Amino acid sequence: MSQVFRYGVACGYCVSDPCRDLRGALAYHKSTPRAAITDPKEVGQLMRNIKAYPAGTVQQAMLWSAYTFCRPVEVRQAEWSEIDFDRKLWIIPAEKMKMRREHRVPLSRQCMQILENQQGFDRKWIFPSVRKGKCLSEAGVLSAIRSMGYEKDQMCAHGFRAMASTLLNELGYRPDIIEISLAHGDENKVRAVYNRAEYMEERRKMMQEWADYLDRLAEK
C-alpha cells in the first residue's frame, strides 16, 4: 500500500504516504507449516485408521489424498472427465490448479481401484457430496481426520502433501521429480514444460512405489 501511495505522490495524485507512520507498528504475518504426520510408524497407523474408516466417499477421498498427495480442493473437485483410463492418468485442468498450469498425475493400481469403487455414484464428480450435484465438501476429509482422533496440530487434509514430500525425500527420490509431482511451480517456464514431458515415466514409477510403500506401512 505504501508503494502505491508513494507512486501517487510522485505522479501528483496525493500529497503524502499515509502508511509511512505505520511502519514498524504492524506485525508481519508469520506463516506456520500445515500439520502433517511424517514418522513412518505413525503414517502406518494413519493408513490403518483410514482403511478401517467406514467405507464410502470420504474414506476413498482420504486414500486418494494419501496416494496422489494433491491439494484438498483438487481432490474434492476431481471429475470423471479428467481421468484418462487408457493411460492411467489424472489430468487436472489449469483453471483448477494453484499455479494455473495443467497438472498430470500418474495413477497407481490403488488409485484405479478407488475409481472402480466410486463408479456409479455421480456422473460428474468422483467424490460426490450427499447433496445431489455437489462435490465432497471442504469439511469432509478434515472432519474424518478429526473423528479418528488427530488434533489440528497433528494432521490436516493438506498434510498428505507434506507427508509425501518428507518421506519421498527420505526414501531418496530425486527432488525434481517430487516437486513436479507436488505441482510446485518452476520459475523457468521452458524447463517446466520439458520436465513435465521428460519425467513422466519416472514419476509413474515413483507414484506406484509410493502407494505400495503406504500399504506396506499399514500392514506392519
C-alpha atoms as a PDB file:
ATOM      1  CA  MET A   1       0.000   0.000   0.000  1.00  0.00           C
ATOM      2  CA  SER A   2       2.864   2.331   0.829  1.00  0.00           C
ATOM      3  CA  GLN A   3       4.349   1.772  -2.625  1.00  0.00           C
ATOM      4  CA  VAL A   4       1.032   2.735  -4.229  1.00  0.00           C
ATOM      5  CA  PHE A   5       0.850   5.971  -2.255  1.00  0.00           C
ATOM      6  CA  ARG A   6       4.492   6.810  -2.986  1.00  0.00           C
ATOM      7  CA  TYR A   7       3.728   6.353  -6.654  1.00  0.00           C
ATOM      8  CA  GLY A   8       0.727   8.663  -6.200  1.00  0.00           C
ATOM      9  CA  VAL A   9       2.936  11.318  -4.625  1.00  0.00           C
ATOM     10  CA  ALA A  10       5.420  11.090  -7.486  1.00  0.00           C
ATOM     11  CA  CYS A  11       2.603  11.489 -10.026  1.00  0.00           C
ATOM     12  CA  GLY A  12       0.915  14.316  -8.183  1.00  0.00           C
ATOM     13  CA  TYR A  13      -2.244  12.401  -7.252  1.00  0.00           C
ATOM     14  CA  CYS A  14      -1.739  12.732  -3.482  1.00  0.00           C
ATOM     15  CA  VAL A  15       0.436  14.813  -1.166  1.00  0.00           C
ATOM     16  CA  SER A  16       1.867  12.163   1.165  1.00  0.00           C
ATOM     17  CA  ASP A  17       2.093   8.484   2.039  1.00  0.00           C
ATOM     18  CA  PRO A  18      -0.310   7.859   4.961  1.00  0.00           C
ATOM     19  CA  CYS A  19       1.213   4.419   5.501  1.00  0.00           C
ATOM     20  CA  ARG A  20       4.568   5.940   6.436  1.00  0.00           C
ATOM     21  CA  ASP A  21       3.655   6.468  10.095  1.00  0.00           C
ATOM     22  CA  LEU A  22       2.574   2.833  10.442  1.00  0.00           C
ATOM     23  CA  ARG A  23       5.995   1.459   9.535  1.00  0.00           C
ATOM     24  CA  GLY A  24       7.066  -0.911  12.311  1.00  0.00           C
ATOM     25  CA  ALA A  25       3.682  -0.714  14.043  1.00  0.00           C
ATOM     26  CA  LEU A  26       2.059  -3.646  12.237  1.00  0.00           C
ATOM     27  CA  ALA A  27       3.352  -7.161  12.823  1.00  0.00           C
ATOM     28  CA  TYR A  28       4.242  -9.216   9.770  1.00  0.00           C
ATOM     29  CA  HIS A  29       2.144 -12.295   9.176  1.00  0.00           C
ATOM     30  CA  LYS A  30       4.095 -15.410  10.072  1.00  0.00           C
ATOM     31  CA  SER A  31       3.033 -18.483   8.163  1.00  0.00           C
ATOM     32  CA  THR A  32       3.082 -21.788  10.024  1.00  0.00           C
ATOM     33  CA  PRO A  33       3.571 -25.182   8.370  1.00  0.00           C
ATOM     34  CA  ARG A  34       0.397 -27.211   7.987  1.00  0.00           C
ATOM     35  CA  ALA A  35       0.143 -30.110  10.403  1.00  0.00           C
ATOM     36  CA  ALA A  36       1.346 -33.388   8.929  1.00  0.00           C
ATOM     37  CA  ILE A  37       2.369 -36.846  10.083  1.00  0.00           C
ATOM     38  CA  THR A  38       5.826 -37.748   8.760  1.00  0.00           C
ATOM     39  CA  ASP A  39       7.080 -40.526  11.031  1.00  0.00           C
ATOM     40  CA  PRO A  40       6.776 -43.847   9.124  1.00  0.00           C
ATOM     41  CA  LYS A  41       5.283 -45.706  12.094  1.00  0.00           C
ATOM     42  CA  GLU A  42       2.670 -43.003  12.619  1.00  0.00           C
ATOM     43  CA  VAL A  43       1.970 -42.917   8.876  1.00  0.00           C
ATOM     44  CA  GLY A  44       1.353 -46.649   9.008  1.00  0.00           C
ATOM     45  CA  GLN A  45      -1.152 -46.131  11.831  1.00  0.00           C
ATOM     46  CA  LEU A  46      -2.808 -43.305   9.883  1.00  0.00           C
ATOM     47  CA  MET A  47      -3.228 -45.570   6.867  1.00  0.00           C
ATOM     48  CA  ARG A  48      -4.674 -48.328   9.051  1.00  0.00           C
ATOM     49  CA  ASN A  49      -7.129 -45.851  10.517  1.00  0.00           C
ATOM     50  CA  ILE A  50      -8.171 -44.682   7.057  1.00  0.00           C
ATOM     51  CA  LYS A  51      -8.629 -48.231   5.809  1.00  0.00           C
ATOM     52  CA  ALA A  52     -10.717 -49.012   8.918  1.00  0.00           C
ATOM     53  CA  TYR A  53     -12.875 -45.898   8.454  1.00  0.00           C
ATOM     54  CA  PRO A  54     -16.467 -46.615   7.343  1.00  0.00           C
ATOM     55  CA  ALA A  55     -16.494 -47.407   3.640  1.00  0.00           C
ATOM     56  CA  GLY A  56     -17.744 -44.615   1.428  1.00  0.00           C
ATOM     57  CA  THR A  57     -16.784 -41.493  -0.474  1.00  0.00           C
ATOM     58  CA  VAL A  58     -14.966 -39.793   2.420  1.00  0.00           C
ATOM     59  CA  GLN A  59     -12.797 -42.845   3.049  1.00  0.00           C
ATOM     60  CA  GLN A  60     -11.996 -43.163  -0.653  1.00  0.00           C
ATOM     61  CA  ALA A  61     -11.144 -39.443  -0.841  1.00  0.00           C
ATOM     62  CA  MET A  62      -8.726 -39.834   2.080  1.00  0.00           C
ATOM     63  CA  LEU A  63      -6.997 -42.748   0.366  1.00  0.00           C
ATOM     64  CA  TRP A  64      -6.848 -40.779  -2.890  1.00  0.00           C
ATOM     65  CA  SER A  65      -5.319 -37.859  -0.999  1.00  0.00           C
ATOM     66  CA  ALA A  66      -2.666 -40.117   0.504  1.00  0.00           C
ATOM     67  CA  TYR A  67      -1.786 -41.865  -2.773  1.00  0.00           C
ATOM     68  CA  THR A  68      -1.774 -38.784  -5.030  1.00  0.00           C
ATOM     69  CA  PHE A  69      -0.865 -36.080  -2.438  1.00  0.00           C
ATOM     70  CA  CYS A  70      -2.751 -33.469  -4.428  1.00  0.00           C
ATOM     71  CA  ARG A  71      -4.280 -30.394  -2.817  1.00  0.00           C
ATOM     72  CA  PRO A  72      -7.585 -30.964  -0.982  1.00  0.00           C
ATOM     73  CA  VAL A  73      -9.555 -28.764  -3.391  1.00  0.00           C
ATOM     74  CA  GLU A  74      -8.177 -30.696  -6.372  1.00  0.00           C
ATOM     75  CA  VAL A  75      -9.224 -33.965  -4.756  1.00  0.00           C
ATOM     76  CA  ARG A  76     -12.714 -32.751  -3.835  1.00  0.00           C
ATOM     77  CA  GLN A  77     -13.340 -31.348  -7.307  1.00  0.00           C
ATOM     78  CA  ALA A  78     -11.913 -34.290  -9.260  1.00  0.00           C
ATOM     79  CA  GLU A  79     -14.152 -35.114 -12.236  1.00  0.00           C
ATOM     80  CA  TRP A  80     -14.572 -38.256 -14.277  1.00  0.00           C
ATOM     81  CA  SER A  81     -13.846 -36.262 -17.436  1.00  0.00           C
ATOM     82  CA  GLU A  82     -10.317 -35.615 -16.111  1.00  0.00           C
ATOM     83  CA  ILE A  83      -9.401 -39.312 -15.995  1.00  0.00           C
ATOM     84  CA  ASP A  84      -7.598 -40.920 -18.929  1.00  0.00           C
ATOM     85  CA  PHE A  85      -8.297 -44.568 -18.177  1.00  0.00           C
ATOM     86  CA  ASP A  86      -6.162 -45.861 -21.060  1.00  0.00           C
ATOM     87  CA  ARG A  87      -3.037 -44.069 -19.839  1.00  0.00           C
ATOM     88  CA  LYS A  88      -3.981 -44.276 -16.148  1.00  0.00           C
ATOM     89  CA  LEU A  89      -3.619 -40.527 -15.827  1.00  0.00           C
ATOM     90  CA  TRP A  90      -5.484 -37.816 -13.945  1.00  0.00           C
ATOM     91  CA  ILE A  91      -5.277 -34.593 -15.973  1.00  0.00           C
ATOM     92  CA  ILE A  92      -6.213 -31.620 -13.804  1.00  0.00           C
ATOM     93  CA  PRO A  93      -7.002 -28.537 -15.939  1.00  0.00           C
ATOM     94  CA  ALA A  94      -5.051 -25.335 -15.392  1.00  0.00           C
ATOM     95  CA  GLU A  95      -8.037 -23.384 -14.046  1.00  0.00           C
ATOM     96  CA  LYS A  96      -8.261 -25.753 -11.068  1.00  0.00           C
ATOM     97  CA  MET A  97      -4.573 -25.532 -10.207  1.00  0.00           C
ATOM     98  CA  LYS A  98      -2.996 -23.075  -7.787  1.00  0.00           C
ATOM     99  CA  MET A  99      -0.219 -22.288 -10.293  1.00  0.00           C
ATOM    100  CA  ARG A 100      -2.719 -22.119 -13.193  1.00  0.00           C
ATOM    101  CA  ARG A 101      -0.897 -24.821 -15.122  1.00  0.00           C
ATOM    102  CA  GLU A 102      -2.287 -28.196 -16.162  1.00  0.00           C
ATOM    103  CA  HIS A 103      -1.123 -30.967 -13.843  1.00  0.00           C
ATOM    104  CA  ARG A 104      -0.885 -34.631 -14.807  1.00  0.00           C
ATOM    105  CA  VAL A 105      -0.929 -37.252 -12.083  1.00  0.00           C
ATOM    106  CA  PRO A 106       0.081 -40.855 -12.912  1.00  0.00           C
ATOM    107  CA  LEU A 107      -2.379 -43.179 -11.207  1.00  0.00           C
ATOM    108  CA  SER A 108      -1.260 -46.215  -9.243  1.00  0.00           C
ATOM    109  CA  ARG A 109      -3.124 -49.517  -9.147  1.00  0.00           C
ATOM    110  CA  GLN A 110      -4.572 -48.409  -5.830  1.00  0.00           C
ATOM    111  CA  CYS A 111      -5.994 -45.251  -7.413  1.00  0.00           C
ATOM    112  CA  MET A 112      -7.501 -47.213 -10.272  1.00  0.00           C
ATOM    113  CA  GLN A 113      -9.233 -49.404  -7.684  1.00  0.00           C
ATOM    114  CA  ILE A 114     -10.617 -46.301  -5.982  1.00  0.00           C
ATOM    115  CA  LEU A 115     -12.034 -45.149  -9.317  1.00  0.00           C
ATOM    116  CA  GLU A 116     -13.686 -48.525  -9.755  1.00  0.00           C
ATOM    117  CA  ASN A 117     -15.148 -48.272  -6.250  1.00  0.00           C
ATOM    118  CA  GLN A 118     -16.571 -44.807  -6.959  1.00  0.00           C
ATOM    119  CA  GLN A 119     -18.158 -45.504 -10.319  1.00  0.00           C
ATOM    120  CA  GLY A 120     -21.909 -45.173 -10.468  1.00  0.00           C
ATOM    121  CA  PHE A 121     -22.396 -42.651  -7.655  1.00  0.00           C
ATOM    122  CA  ASP A 122     -22.286 -39.468  -9.732  1.00  0.00           C
ATOM    123  CA  ARG A 123     -21.875 -38.668 -13.426  1.00  0.00           C
ATOM    124  CA  LYS A 124     -19.591 -35.683 -12.851  1.00  0.00           C
ATOM    125  CA  TRP A 125     -17.823 -35.876  -9.506  1.00  0.00           C
ATOM    126  CA  ILE A 126     -15.548 -38.730  -8.494  1.00  0.00           C
ATOM    127  CA  PHE A 127     -16.094 -37.842  -4.830  1.00  0.00           C
ATOM    128  CA  PRO A 128     -19.662 -36.523  -4.679  1.00  0.00           C
ATOM    129  CA  SER A 129     -21.416 -34.941  -1.744  1.00  0.00           C
ATOM    130  CA  VAL A 130     -24.562 -36.389  -0.234  1.00  0.00           C
ATOM    131  CA  ARG A 131     -26.130 -33.219  -1.623  1.00  0.00           C
ATOM    132  CA  LYS A 132     -27.097 -34.071  -5.181  1.00  0.00           C
ATOM    133  CA  GLY A 133     -24.984 -32.396  -7.856  1.00  0.00           C
ATOM    134  CA  LYS A 134     -22.263 -31.224  -5.457  1.00  0.00           C
ATOM    135  CA  CYS A 135     -18.726 -32.455  -4.871  1.00  0.00           C
ATOM    136  CA  LEU A 136     -17.476 -33.512  -1.441  1.00  0.00           C
ATOM    137  CA  SER A 137     -17.449 -30.590   0.968  1.00  0.00           C
ATOM    138  CA  GLU A 138     -14.306 -28.923   2.241  1.00  0.00           C
ATOM    139  CA  ALA A 139     -15.013 -30.269   5.708  1.00  0.00           C
ATOM    140  CA  GLY A 140     -15.486 -33.886   4.597  1.00  0.00           C
ATOM    141  CA  VAL A 141     -11.922 -35.196   4.831  1.00  0.00           C
ATOM    142  CA  LEU A 142     -10.939 -32.868   7.672  1.00  0.00           C
ATOM    143  CA  SER A 143     -13.886 -33.977   9.810  1.00  0.00           C
ATOM    144  CA  ALA A 144     -12.960 -37.602   9.199  1.00  0.00           C
ATOM    145  CA  ILE A 145      -9.372 -36.951  10.269  1.00  0.00           C
ATOM    146  CA  ARG A 146     -10.611 -35.297  13.467  1.00  0.00           C
ATOM    147  CA  SER A 147     -13.012 -38.163  14.156  1.00  0.00           C
ATOM    148  CA  MET A 148     -10.057 -40.568  14.027  1.00  0.00           C
ATOM    149  CA  GLY A 149      -8.507 -38.701  16.943  1.00  0.00           C
ATOM    150  CA  TYR A 150      -5.999 -36.436  15.207  1.00  0.00           C
ATOM    151  CA  GLU A 151      -5.811 -32.899  16.600  1.00  0.00           C
ATOM    152  CA  LYS A 152      -5.304 -29.816  14.455  1.00  0.00           C
ATOM    153  CA  ASP A 153      -1.598 -29.705  15.317  1.00  0.00           C
ATOM    154  CA  GLN A 154      -1.119 -33.342  14.248  1.00  0.00           C
ATOM    155  CA  MET A 155      -2.735 -33.765  10.842  1.00  0.00           C
ATOM    156  CA  CYS A 156      -4.936 -31.876   8.387  1.00  0.00           C
ATOM    157  CA  ALA A 157      -6.335 -32.524   4.911  1.00  0.00           C
ATOM    158  CA  HIS A 158      -3.408 -30.646   3.369  1.00  0.00           C
ATOM    159  CA  GLY A 159      -0.950 -32.674   5.457  1.00  0.00           C
ATOM    160  CA  PHE A 160      -0.854 -35.561   2.980  1.00  0.00           C
ATOM    161  CA  ARG A 161       1.324 -33.362   0.767  1.00  0.00           C
ATOM    162  CA  ALA A 162       3.934 -32.655   3.433  1.00  0.00           C
ATOM    163  CA  MET A 163       3.808 -36.310   4.449  1.00  0.00           C
ATOM    164  CA  ALA A 164       4.642 -37.405   0.909  1.00  0.00           C
ATOM    165  CA  SER A 165       7.253 -34.712   0.347  1.00  0.00           C
ATOM    166  CA  THR A 166       9.125 -35.571   3.557  1.00  0.00           C
ATOM    167  CA  LEU A 167       9.090 -39.335   3.163  1.00  0.00           C
ATOM    168  CA  LEU A 168       9.813 -39.393  -0.579  1.00  0.00           C
ATOM    169  CA  ASN A 169      12.867 -37.212   0.011  1.00  0.00           C
ATOM    170  CA  GLU A 170      13.973 -39.507   2.831  1.00  0.00           C
ATOM    171  CA  LEU A 171      13.481 -42.517   0.550  1.00  0.00           C
ATOM    172  CA  GLY A 172      15.934 -40.999  -1.918  1.00  0.00           C
ATOM    173  CA  TYR A 173      13.736 -39.962  -4.828  1.00  0.00           C
ATOM    174  CA  ARG A 174      15.005 -37.073  -6.920  1.00  0.00           C
ATOM    175  CA  PRO A 175      13.833 -33.696  -5.594  1.00  0.00           C
ATOM    176  CA  ASP A 176      12.926 -32.557  -9.131  1.00  0.00           C
ATOM    177  CA  ILE A 177      10.502 -35.456  -9.509  1.00  0.00           C
ATOM    178  CA  ILE A 178       8.962 -34.845  -6.097  1.00  0.00           C
ATOM    179  CA  GLU A 179       8.476 -31.119  -6.736  1.00  0.00           C
ATOM    180  CA  ILE A 180       6.858 -31.729 -10.124  1.00  0.00           C
ATOM    181  CA  SER A 181       4.559 -34.337  -8.587  1.00  0.00           C
ATOM    182  CA  LEU A 182       3.554 -31.799  -5.933  1.00  0.00           C
ATOM    183  CA  ALA A 183       2.758 -29.340  -8.753  1.00  0.00           C
ATOM    184  CA  HIS A 184       5.124 -26.773  -7.323  1.00  0.00           C
ATOM    185  CA  GLY A 185       5.972 -24.056  -9.799  1.00  0.00           C
ATOM    186  CA  ASP A 186       9.232 -23.894 -11.726  1.00  0.00           C
ATOM    187  CA  GLU A 187      10.252 -20.298 -12.371  1.00  0.00           C
ATOM    188  CA  ASN A 188      11.825 -21.339 -15.664  1.00  0.00           C
ATOM    189  CA  LYS A 189       8.762 -21.964 -17.859  1.00  0.00           C
ATOM    190  CA  VAL A 190      10.718 -23.712 -20.628  1.00  0.00           C
ATOM    191  CA  ARG A 191      12.302 -26.042 -18.089  1.00  0.00           C
ATOM    192  CA  ALA A 192       8.888 -26.675 -16.512  1.00  0.00           C
ATOM    193  CA  VAL A 193       7.374 -27.837 -19.816  1.00  0.00           C
ATOM    194  CA  TYR A 194      10.401 -30.013 -20.522  1.00  0.00           C
ATOM    195  CA  ASN A 195      10.276 -31.583 -17.083  1.00  0.00           C
ATOM    196  CA  ARG A 196       6.590 -32.439 -17.313  1.00  0.00           C
ATOM    197  CA  ALA A 197       7.176 -34.270 -20.567  1.00  0.00           C
ATOM    198  CA  GLU A 198      10.543 -35.841 -19.779  1.00  0.00           C
ATOM    199  CA  TYR A 199       9.897 -37.157 -16.292  1.00  0.00           C
ATOM    200  CA  MET A 200       6.517 -38.837 -16.732  1.00  0.00           C
ATOM    201  CA  GLU A 201       7.796 -42.424 -16.692  1.00  0.00           C
ATOM    202  CA  GLU A 202       9.983 -41.744 -13.671  1.00  0.00           C
ATOM    203  CA  ARG A 203       7.045 -40.123 -11.930  1.00  0.00           C
ATOM    204  CA  ARG A 204       4.769 -43.023 -12.820  1.00  0.00           C
ATOM    205  CA  LYS A 205       7.234 -45.434 -11.220  1.00  0.00           C
ATOM    206  CA  MET A 206       7.551 -43.281  -8.101  1.00  0.00           C
ATOM    207  CA  MET A 207       3.776 -42.923  -7.653  1.00  0.00           C
ATOM    208  CA  GLN A 208       3.264 -46.689  -7.787  1.00  0.00           C
ATOM    209  CA  GLU A 209       6.121 -47.297  -5.372  1.00  0.00           C
ATOM    210  CA  TRP A 210       4.732 -44.630  -3.046  1.00  0.00           C
ATOM    211  CA  ALA A 211       1.291 -46.249  -2.961  1.00  0.00           C
ATOM    212  CA  ASP A 212       2.877 -49.658  -2.328  1.00  0.00           C
ATOM    213  CA  TYR A 213       5.036 -48.138   0.432  1.00  0.00           C
ATOM    214  CA  LEU A 214       1.981 -46.706   2.203  1.00  0.00           C
ATOM    215  CA  ASP A 215       0.243 -50.072   2.009  1.00  0.00           C
ATOM    216  CA  ARG A 216       3.301 -51.819   3.435  1.00  0.00           C
ATOM    217  CA  LEU A 217       3.445 -49.353   6.326  1.00  0.00           C
ATOM    218  CA  ALA A 218      -0.229 -50.052   7.020  1.00  0.00           C
ATOM    219  CA  GLU A 219       0.442 -53.785   7.192  1.00  0.00           C
ATOM    220  CA  LYS A 220       3.260 -53.525   9.742  1.00  0.00           C
END
